Amino acid sequence: MRLRNFTPHSVAVYSADLKSVILDIPPEKKSIRVKEVIVEEDGETILGIPILTKRITGIDNLPEPEQDTALIVSLYVFEASDRKDLLCPDTGEESVVRDEYGQILGVRRFCKKA
């Protein structure tokens, strides 16, 4: 199985004990992103911060499926698509590895569509 990383950054996969990187997957040249439109901009604010209503209208740069290949994408793209060849990094507490500042260093596993 081949993995292609369409997030904007490398994805580090850690061992089950979360102590060592067993695979580092560099990003492709183009990221896959969702397309959005603003549905409503009615002037609503919270503490002076504008609140918008958006709708996802599609996905940019999503290549055709390839045999024996899974595409790593952001959770946002993953949720916007029904494709079975997409994976997203599992950032749940049992999988994610963080530095002392809480920044994500990597994950132990990926999520797939049911």
N, C-alpha and C. Protein backbone atom coordinates (compact mmCIF):
# COMPACT_ATOMS: atom_id res chain seq x y z
N MET A 1 0.85 -1.18 0.00
CA MET A 1 0.00 0.00 0.00
C MET A 1 0.89 1.24 0.00
N ARG A 2 0.55 2.18 -0.83
CA ARG A 2 1.28 3.45 -0.92
C ARG A 2 0.47 4.54 -0.21
N LEU A 3 1.17 5.40 0.54
CA LEU A 3 0.53 6.54 1.21
C LEU A 3 1.03 7.83 0.57
N ARG A 4 0.09 8.71 0.22
CA ARG A 4 0.42 10.04 -0.31
C ARG A 4 -0.16 11.07 0.65
N ASN A 5 0.66 12.01 1.06
CA ASN A 5 0.28 13.00 2.06
C ASN A 5 -0.12 14.31 1.38
N PHE A 6 -1.40 14.65 1.45
CA PHE A 6 -1.91 15.88 0.85
C PHE A 6 -2.25 16.93 1.91
N THR A 7 -1.67 16.81 3.10
CA THR A 7 -1.76 17.89 4.08
C THR A 7 -0.58 18.82 3.80
N PRO A 8 -0.57 20.03 4.36
CA PRO A 8 0.53 20.96 4.05
C PRO A 8 1.82 20.69 4.83
N HIS A 9 1.86 19.62 5.62
CA HIS A 9 3.04 19.35 6.45
C HIS A 9 3.33 17.86 6.49
N SER A 10 4.54 17.51 6.89
CA SER A 10 4.89 16.09 7.06
C SER A 10 4.00 15.46 8.12
N VAL A 11 3.73 14.17 7.97
CA VAL A 11 2.98 13.43 8.97
C VAL A 11 3.91 12.37 9.56
N ALA A 12 4.17 12.49 10.84
CA ALA A 12 5.01 11.53 11.55
C ALA A 12 4.12 10.47 12.19
N VAL A 13 4.44 9.21 11.92
CA VAL A 13 3.70 8.10 12.51
C VAL A 13 4.59 7.49 13.58
N TYR A 14 4.07 7.41 14.81
CA TYR A 14 4.82 6.92 15.95
C TYR A 14 4.53 5.45 16.23
N SER A 15 5.44 4.82 16.91
CA SER A 15 5.27 3.44 17.34
C SER A 15 4.12 3.36 18.35
N ALA A 16 3.66 2.14 18.62
CA ALA A 16 2.53 1.93 19.53
C ALA A 16 2.80 2.51 20.92
N ASP A 17 4.06 2.51 21.36
CA ASP A 17 4.38 3.08 22.68
C ASP A 17 4.57 4.60 22.63
N LEU A 18 4.39 5.19 21.45
CA LEU A 18 4.46 6.65 21.23
C LEU A 18 5.86 7.23 21.48
N LYS A 19 6.90 6.40 21.43
CA LYS A 19 8.24 6.88 21.76
C LYS A 19 9.15 7.10 20.57
N SER A 20 8.84 6.52 19.41
CA SER A 20 9.73 6.70 18.26
C SER A 20 8.92 6.81 16.97
N VAL A 21 9.47 7.57 16.03
CA VAL A 21 8.84 7.74 14.71
C VAL A 21 9.20 6.53 13.86
N ILE A 22 8.17 5.84 13.35
CA ILE A 22 8.42 4.68 12.50
C ILE A 22 8.25 5.01 11.02
N LEU A 23 7.60 6.14 10.74
CA LEU A 23 7.40 6.55 9.35
C LEU A 23 7.16 8.06 9.34
N ASP A 24 7.83 8.75 8.44
CA ASP A 24 7.61 10.18 8.25
C ASP A 24 7.20 10.38 6.79
N ILE A 25 5.99 10.88 6.59
CA ILE A 25 5.44 10.98 5.24
C ILE A 25 5.45 12.44 4.81
N PRO A 26 6.33 12.80 3.87
CA PRO A 26 6.41 14.20 3.44
C PRO A 26 5.17 14.61 2.64
N PRO A 27 4.87 15.91 2.63
CA PRO A 27 3.69 16.37 1.88
C PRO A 27 3.94 16.39 0.37
N GLU A 28 2.86 16.20 -0.38
CA GLU A 28 2.90 16.40 -1.83
C GLU A 28 3.05 17.90 -2.10
N LYS A 29 3.31 18.26 -3.33
CA LYS A 29 3.48 19.68 -3.68
C LYS A 29 2.20 20.48 -3.52
N LYS A 30 1.05 19.86 -3.79
CA LYS A 30 -0.23 20.54 -3.66
C LYS A 30 -1.05 19.89 -2.55
N SER A 31 -1.61 20.74 -1.69
CA SER A 31 -2.51 20.23 -0.66
C SER A 31 -3.92 20.10 -1.22
N ILE A 32 -4.69 19.21 -0.63
CA ILE A 32 -6.11 19.09 -0.97
C ILE A 32 -6.86 19.96 0.04
N ARG A 33 -7.72 20.82 -0.46
CA ARG A 33 -8.47 21.75 0.41
C ARG A 33 -9.94 21.73 0.04
N VAL A 34 -10.79 22.08 1.02
CA VAL A 34 -12.21 22.21 0.73
C VAL A 34 -12.48 23.58 0.11
N LYS A 35 -13.51 23.64 -0.73
CA LYS A 35 -14.00 24.90 -1.28
C LYS A 35 -15.17 25.34 -0.40
N GLU A 36 -15.21 26.63 -0.08
CA GLU A 36 -16.26 27.15 0.79
C GLU A 36 -16.87 28.40 0.16
N VAL A 37 -18.11 28.66 0.53
CA VAL A 37 -18.75 29.93 0.20
C VAL A 37 -19.40 30.46 1.47
N ILE A 38 -19.42 31.79 1.56
CA ILE A 38 -20.14 32.41 2.67
C ILE A 38 -21.62 32.41 2.31
N VAL A 39 -22.42 31.79 3.14
CA VAL A 39 -23.86 31.70 2.92
C VAL A 39 -24.55 32.93 3.48
N GLU A 40 -24.07 33.37 4.64
CA GLU A 40 -24.72 34.50 5.30
C GLU A 40 -23.69 35.30 6.07
N GLU A 41 -23.74 36.60 5.92
CA GLU A 41 -22.91 37.51 6.68
C GLU A 41 -23.83 38.63 7.15
N ASP A 42 -24.49 38.36 8.29
CA ASP A 42 -25.58 39.25 8.72
C ASP A 42 -25.17 40.28 9.76
N GLY A 43 -23.87 40.41 10.02
CA GLY A 43 -23.42 41.39 11.00
C GLY A 43 -23.38 40.88 12.42
N GLU A 44 -23.74 39.61 12.64
CA GLU A 44 -23.68 39.05 14.00
C GLU A 44 -22.24 39.01 14.48
N THR A 45 -22.06 39.34 15.76
CA THR A 45 -20.73 39.27 16.37
C THR A 45 -20.83 38.65 17.76
N ILE A 46 -19.71 38.13 18.22
CA ILE A 46 -19.56 37.70 19.60
C ILE A 46 -18.30 38.39 20.11
N LEU A 47 -18.46 39.23 21.13
CA LEU A 47 -17.35 40.02 21.67
C LEU A 47 -16.66 40.83 20.58
N GLY A 48 -17.45 41.29 19.60
CA GLY A 48 -16.91 42.10 18.51
C GLY A 48 -16.30 41.32 17.37
N ILE A 49 -16.32 39.99 17.46
CA ILE A 49 -15.74 39.13 16.42
C ILE A 49 -16.84 38.74 15.45
N PRO A 50 -16.69 39.00 14.13
CA PRO A 50 -17.73 38.65 13.16
C PRO A 50 -17.98 37.14 13.11
N ILE A 51 -19.25 36.76 12.97
CA ILE A 51 -19.66 35.36 12.85
C ILE A 51 -20.30 35.18 11.47
N LEU A 52 -19.82 34.20 10.72
CA LEU A 52 -20.32 33.93 9.39
C LEU A 52 -20.99 32.56 9.35
N THR A 53 -21.80 32.34 8.34
CA THR A 53 -22.30 31.02 8.02
C THR A 53 -21.66 30.61 6.70
N LYS A 54 -20.96 29.46 6.68
CA LYS A 54 -20.30 28.98 5.48
C LYS A 54 -20.86 27.62 5.08
N ARG A 55 -20.67 27.30 3.81
CA ARG A 55 -21.07 25.98 3.29
C ARG A 55 -19.92 25.46 2.44
N ILE A 56 -19.62 24.18 2.58
CA ILE A 56 -18.61 23.53 1.74
C ILE A 56 -19.25 23.23 0.40
N THR A 57 -18.56 23.60 -0.68
CA THR A 57 -19.11 23.41 -2.03
C THR A 57 -18.34 22.39 -2.85
N GLY A 58 -17.23 21.91 -2.34
CA GLY A 58 -16.44 20.93 -3.09
C GLY A 58 -15.06 20.78 -2.49
N ILE A 59 -14.18 20.13 -3.24
CA ILE A 59 -12.82 19.88 -2.78
C ILE A 59 -11.87 20.21 -3.93
N ASP A 60 -10.84 21.02 -3.65
CA ASP A 60 -9.82 21.38 -4.64
C ASP A 60 -8.66 20.40 -4.60
N ASN A 61 -8.12 20.10 -5.79
CA ASN A 61 -6.90 19.30 -5.97
C ASN A 61 -7.04 17.83 -5.57
N LEU A 62 -8.26 17.30 -5.54
CA LEU A 62 -8.45 15.89 -5.18
C LEU A 62 -8.19 15.02 -6.41
N PRO A 63 -7.08 14.26 -6.42
CA PRO A 63 -6.78 13.43 -7.58
C PRO A 63 -7.72 12.23 -7.68
N GLU A 64 -7.75 11.64 -8.84
CA GLU A 64 -8.53 10.42 -9.05
C GLU A 64 -7.96 9.30 -8.18
N PRO A 65 -8.80 8.35 -7.76
CA PRO A 65 -8.28 7.22 -6.98
C PRO A 65 -7.22 6.44 -7.75
N GLU A 66 -6.24 5.93 -7.01
CA GLU A 66 -5.19 5.09 -7.58
C GLU A 66 -5.21 3.74 -6.86
N GLN A 67 -4.99 2.69 -7.60
CA GLN A 67 -4.99 1.35 -7.00
C GLN A 67 -3.89 1.24 -5.95
N ASP A 68 -4.20 0.62 -4.84
CA ASP A 68 -3.27 0.38 -3.74
C ASP A 68 -2.64 1.66 -3.19
N THR A 69 -3.41 2.76 -3.20
CA THR A 69 -2.91 4.04 -2.71
C THR A 69 -3.96 4.69 -1.82
N ALA A 70 -3.52 5.16 -0.66
CA ALA A 70 -4.39 5.92 0.24
C ALA A 70 -3.86 7.34 0.32
N LEU A 71 -4.78 8.30 0.38
CA LEU A 71 -4.42 9.71 0.44
C LEU A 71 -4.64 10.22 1.86
N ILE A 72 -3.61 10.82 2.44
CA ILE A 72 -3.73 11.42 3.77
C ILE A 72 -4.17 12.87 3.58
N VAL A 73 -5.26 13.22 4.24
CA VAL A 73 -5.84 14.56 4.12
C VAL A 73 -6.19 15.10 5.50
N SER A 74 -6.52 16.39 5.55
CA SER A 74 -6.96 16.98 6.81
C SER A 74 -8.33 16.41 7.21
N LEU A 75 -8.67 16.55 8.47
CA LEU A 75 -9.98 16.12 8.95
C LEU A 75 -11.09 16.84 8.20
N TYR A 76 -10.89 18.11 7.91
CA TYR A 76 -11.89 18.92 7.20
C TYR A 76 -12.19 18.32 5.82
N VAL A 77 -11.14 17.97 5.07
CA VAL A 77 -11.32 17.33 3.76
C VAL A 77 -11.93 15.95 3.93
N PHE A 78 -11.44 15.18 4.89
CA PHE A 78 -11.93 13.83 5.16
C PHE A 78 -13.44 13.84 5.39
N GLU A 79 -13.92 14.78 6.21
CA GLU A 79 -15.34 14.87 6.53
C GLU A 79 -16.18 15.34 5.34
N ALA A 80 -15.57 16.08 4.42
CA ALA A 80 -16.30 16.63 3.27
C ALA A 80 -16.45 15.63 2.13
N SER A 81 -15.78 14.49 2.23
CA SER A 81 -15.77 13.51 1.14
C SER A 81 -16.31 12.16 1.60
N ASP A 82 -16.83 11.39 0.64
CA ASP A 82 -17.26 10.02 0.91
C ASP A 82 -16.26 9.00 0.38
N ARG A 83 -15.14 9.45 -0.12
CA ARG A 83 -14.18 8.53 -0.74
C ARG A 83 -13.54 7.61 0.29
N LYS A 84 -13.46 6.34 -0.06
CA LYS A 84 -12.91 5.32 0.84
C LYS A 84 -11.39 5.27 0.84
N ASP A 85 -10.74 5.96 -0.12
CA ASP A 85 -9.28 5.95 -0.18
C ASP A 85 -8.64 7.08 0.62
N LEU A 86 -9.45 7.85 1.35
CA LEU A 86 -8.92 8.95 2.15
C LEU A 86 -8.71 8.52 3.60
N LEU A 87 -7.61 8.97 4.17
CA LEU A 87 -7.30 8.76 5.58
C LEU A 87 -7.03 10.13 6.19
N CYS A 88 -7.28 10.25 7.48
CA CYS A 88 -6.85 11.46 8.19
C CYS A 88 -6.12 11.04 9.45
N PRO A 89 -5.14 11.83 9.87
CA PRO A 89 -4.44 11.49 11.11
C PRO A 89 -5.40 11.46 12.30
N ASP A 90 -5.26 10.44 13.14
CA ASP A 90 -6.08 10.33 14.34
C ASP A 90 -5.44 11.19 15.43
N THR A 91 -6.07 12.32 15.71
CA THR A 91 -5.53 13.22 16.74
C THR A 91 -6.23 13.05 18.08
N GLY A 92 -6.89 11.90 18.27
CA GLY A 92 -7.48 11.58 19.58
C GLY A 92 -6.38 11.34 20.60
N GLU A 93 -6.72 11.45 21.86
CA GLU A 93 -5.73 11.37 22.94
C GLU A 93 -4.95 10.05 22.98
N GLU A 94 -5.53 8.95 22.50
CA GLU A 94 -4.82 7.67 22.53
C GLU A 94 -3.83 7.52 21.38
N SER A 95 -3.86 8.44 20.43
CA SER A 95 -3.01 8.33 19.24
C SER A 95 -2.02 9.46 19.09
N VAL A 96 -2.40 10.66 19.49
CA VAL A 96 -1.59 11.84 19.21
C VAL A 96 -0.36 11.94 20.10
N VAL A 97 0.72 12.48 19.54
CA VAL A 97 1.94 12.77 20.30
C VAL A 97 2.14 14.28 20.24
N ARG A 98 2.27 14.90 21.42
CA ARG A 98 2.41 16.36 21.50
C ARG A 98 3.73 16.72 22.19
N ASP A 99 4.22 17.92 21.87
CA ASP A 99 5.40 18.43 22.57
C ASP A 99 4.97 19.09 23.88
N GLU A 100 5.92 19.66 24.61
CA GLU A 100 5.61 20.26 25.91
C GLU A 100 4.71 21.48 25.82
N TYR A 101 4.53 22.02 24.61
CA TYR A 101 3.65 23.17 24.40
C TYR A 101 2.28 22.78 23.86
N GLY A 102 2.06 21.48 23.70
CA GLY A 102 0.77 21.00 23.20
C GLY A 102 0.68 20.90 21.69
N GLN A 103 1.76 21.24 20.99
CA GLN A 103 1.76 21.15 19.52
C GLN A 103 1.86 19.69 19.09
N ILE A 104 1.13 19.34 18.04
CA ILE A 104 1.15 17.96 17.56
C ILE A 104 2.47 17.65 16.85
N LEU A 105 3.11 16.57 17.27
CA LEU A 105 4.33 16.08 16.63
C LEU A 105 4.03 14.96 15.65
N GLY A 106 3.01 14.16 15.95
CA GLY A 106 2.66 13.03 15.11
C GLY A 106 1.52 12.24 15.71
N VAL A 107 1.23 11.11 15.07
CA VAL A 107 0.13 10.25 15.51
C VAL A 107 0.56 8.79 15.43
N ARG A 108 -0.23 7.96 16.07
CA ARG A 108 0.03 6.51 16.06
C ARG A 108 -0.78 5.79 14.99
N ARG A 109 -1.88 6.43 14.55
CA ARG A 109 -2.77 5.75 13.60
C ARG A 109 -3.55 6.77 12.78
N PHE A 110 -4.28 6.24 11.80
CA PHE A 110 -5.13 7.05 10.91
C PHE A 110 -6.59 6.63 11.06
N CYS A 111 -7.49 7.51 10.59
CA CYS A 111 -8.93 7.21 10.54
C CYS A 111 -9.32 6.95 9.09
N LYS A 112 -10.30 6.06 8.88
CA LYS A 112 -10.83 5.78 7.55
C LYS A 112 -12.36 5.84 7.60
N LYS A 113 -12.97 5.89 6.43
CA LYS A 113 -14.43 5.88 6.33
C LYS A 113 -14.97 4.48 6.58
N ALA A 114 -16.11 4.41 7.22
CA ALA A 114 -16.74 3.11 7.51
C ALA A 114 -17.34 2.53 6.25
